[in-house]
Amino acid sequence: MSEYKGEERRTHLPLTDEMMDAIAERAAKRVLDNVYREVGKSLLHKFMWALGVLGVAIAMWVSGKAPS
């Protein structure tokens, strides 16, 4: 492919400090939201696992097959 020989069409807008701060704050918020989401999933998974173990233990106790 040949190199473009026409007028430069790309424009580079300089980022101001305010723009960079806004970008950084948005990125930090997204990261924090993702961390909270993953922690919530982990806690929910552990809670559901414990609830399942408790359900099996209650079922065994009711049926009379629980270990002494």
C-alpha atoms as a PDB file:
ATOM      1  CA  MET A   1       0.000   0.000   0.000  1.00  0.00           C
ATOM      2  CA  SER A   2       1.339   3.424  -0.825  1.00  0.00           C
ATOM      3  CA  GLU A   3       1.847   6.113   1.746  1.00  0.00           C
ATOM      4  CA  TYR A   4      -0.732   8.914   1.924  1.00  0.00           C
ATOM      5  CA  LYS A   5       0.682  12.094   0.385  1.00  0.00           C
ATOM      6  CA  GLY A   6      -2.216  14.491   1.009  1.00  0.00           C
ATOM      7  CA  GLU A   7      -2.907  17.038   3.678  1.00  0.00           C
ATOM      8  CA  GLU A   8      -2.624  15.907   7.309  1.00  0.00           C
ATOM      9  CA  ARG A   9      -6.140  15.130   8.512  1.00  0.00           C
ATOM     10  CA  ARG A  10      -5.401  13.944  12.011  1.00  0.00           C
ATOM     11  CA  THR A  11      -5.801  16.453  14.757  1.00  0.00           C
ATOM     12  CA  HIS A  12      -4.316  16.060  18.191  1.00  0.00           C
ATOM     13  CA  LEU A  13      -6.198  17.932  20.838  1.00  0.00           C
ATOM     14  CA  PRO A  14      -4.031  18.607  23.866  1.00  0.00           C
ATOM     15  CA  LEU A  15      -5.512  17.262  27.080  1.00  0.00           C
ATOM     16  CA  THR A  16      -5.961  19.777  29.830  1.00  0.00           C
ATOM     17  CA  ASP A  17      -5.354  18.926  33.468  1.00  0.00           C
ATOM     18  CA  GLU A  18      -9.105  18.944  34.054  1.00  0.00           C
ATOM     19  CA  MET A  19      -9.651  16.461  31.213  1.00  0.00           C
ATOM     20  CA  MET A  20      -6.924  14.160  32.546  1.00  0.00           C
ATOM     21  CA  ASP A  21      -8.394  14.359  36.055  1.00  0.00           C
ATOM     22  CA  ALA A  22     -11.855  13.487  34.725  1.00  0.00           C
ATOM     23  CA  ILE A  23     -10.451  10.508  32.814  1.00  0.00           C
ATOM     24  CA  ALA A  24      -8.517   9.321  35.877  1.00  0.00           C
ATOM     25  CA  GLU A  25     -11.567   9.645  38.138  1.00  0.00           C
ATOM     26  CA  ARG A  26     -13.725   7.714  35.681  1.00  0.00           C
ATOM     27  CA  ALA A  27     -11.112   4.955  35.393  1.00  0.00           C
ATOM     28  CA  ALA A  28     -10.753   4.746  39.181  1.00  0.00           C
ATOM     29  CA  LYS A  29     -14.532   4.506  39.600  1.00  0.00           C
ATOM     30  CA  ARG A  30     -14.707   1.666  37.064  1.00  0.00           C
ATOM     31  CA  VAL A  31     -11.911  -0.229  38.796  1.00  0.00           C
ATOM     32  CA  LEU A  32     -13.545   0.217  42.196  1.00  0.00           C
ATOM     33  CA  ASP A  33     -16.930  -0.892  40.826  1.00  0.00           C
ATOM     34  CA  ASN A  34     -15.307  -4.021  39.390  1.00  0.00           C
ATOM     35  CA  VAL A  35     -13.601  -4.789  42.709  1.00  0.00           C
ATOM     36  CA  TYR A  36     -16.889  -4.421  44.602  1.00  0.00           C
ATOM     37  CA  ARG A  37     -18.651  -6.633  42.034  1.00  0.00           C
ATOM     38  CA  GLU A  38     -16.022  -9.380  42.337  1.00  0.00           C
ATOM     39  CA  VAL A  39     -16.052  -9.243  46.153  1.00  0.00           C
ATOM     40  CA  GLY A  40     -19.848  -9.479  46.112  1.00  0.00           C
ATOM     41  CA  LYS A  41     -19.757 -12.488  43.778  1.00  0.00           C
ATOM     42  CA  SER A  42     -17.192 -14.189  46.008  1.00  0.00           C
ATOM     43  CA  LEU A  43     -19.214 -13.590  49.176  1.00  0.00           C
ATOM     44  CA  LEU A  44     -22.431 -14.751  47.510  1.00  0.00           C
ATOM     45  CA  HIS A  45     -20.695 -17.918  46.252  1.00  0.00           C
ATOM     46  CA  LYS A  46     -19.376 -18.720  49.744  1.00  0.00           C
ATOM     47  CA  PHE A  47     -22.754 -18.000  51.337  1.00  0.00           C
ATOM     48  CA  MET A  48     -24.564 -20.273  48.877  1.00  0.00           C
ATOM     49  CA  TRP A  49     -21.999 -23.052  49.464  1.00  0.00           C
ATOM     50  CA  ALA A  50     -22.473 -22.777  53.258  1.00  0.00           C
ATOM     51  CA  LEU A  51     -26.251 -22.766  52.798  1.00  0.00           C
ATOM     52  CA  GLY A  52     -25.980 -25.958  50.733  1.00  0.00           C
ATOM     53  CA  VAL A  53     -23.865 -27.665  53.391  1.00  0.00           C
ATOM     54  CA  LEU A  54     -26.369 -26.600  56.046  1.00  0.00           C
ATOM     55  CA  GLY A  55     -29.234 -27.935  53.913  1.00  0.00           C
ATOM     56  CA  VAL A  56     -27.535 -31.315  53.516  1.00  0.00           C
ATOM     57  CA  ALA A  57     -26.798 -31.457  57.250  1.00  0.00           C
ATOM     58  CA  ILE A  58     -30.443 -30.688  58.090  1.00  0.00           C
ATOM     59  CA  ALA A  59     -31.649 -33.292  55.587  1.00  0.00           C
ATOM     60  CA  MET A  60     -29.347 -35.908  57.134  1.00  0.00           C
ATOM     61  CA  TRP A  61     -30.460 -34.958  60.639  1.00  0.00           C
ATOM     62  CA  VAL A  62     -34.134 -35.213  59.704  1.00  0.00           C
ATOM     63  CA  SER A  63     -33.634 -38.593  58.032  1.00  0.00           C
ATOM     64  CA  GLY A  64     -31.749 -39.895  61.066  1.00  0.00           C
ATOM     65  CA  LYS A  65     -28.486 -40.544  59.220  1.00  0.00           C
ATOM     66  CA  ALA A  66     -26.462 -37.803  60.840  1.00  0.00           C
ATOM     67  CA  PRO A  67     -23.103 -38.756  62.291  1.00  0.00           C
ATOM     68  CA  SER A  68     -23.026 -38.773  66.076  1.00  0.00           C
END
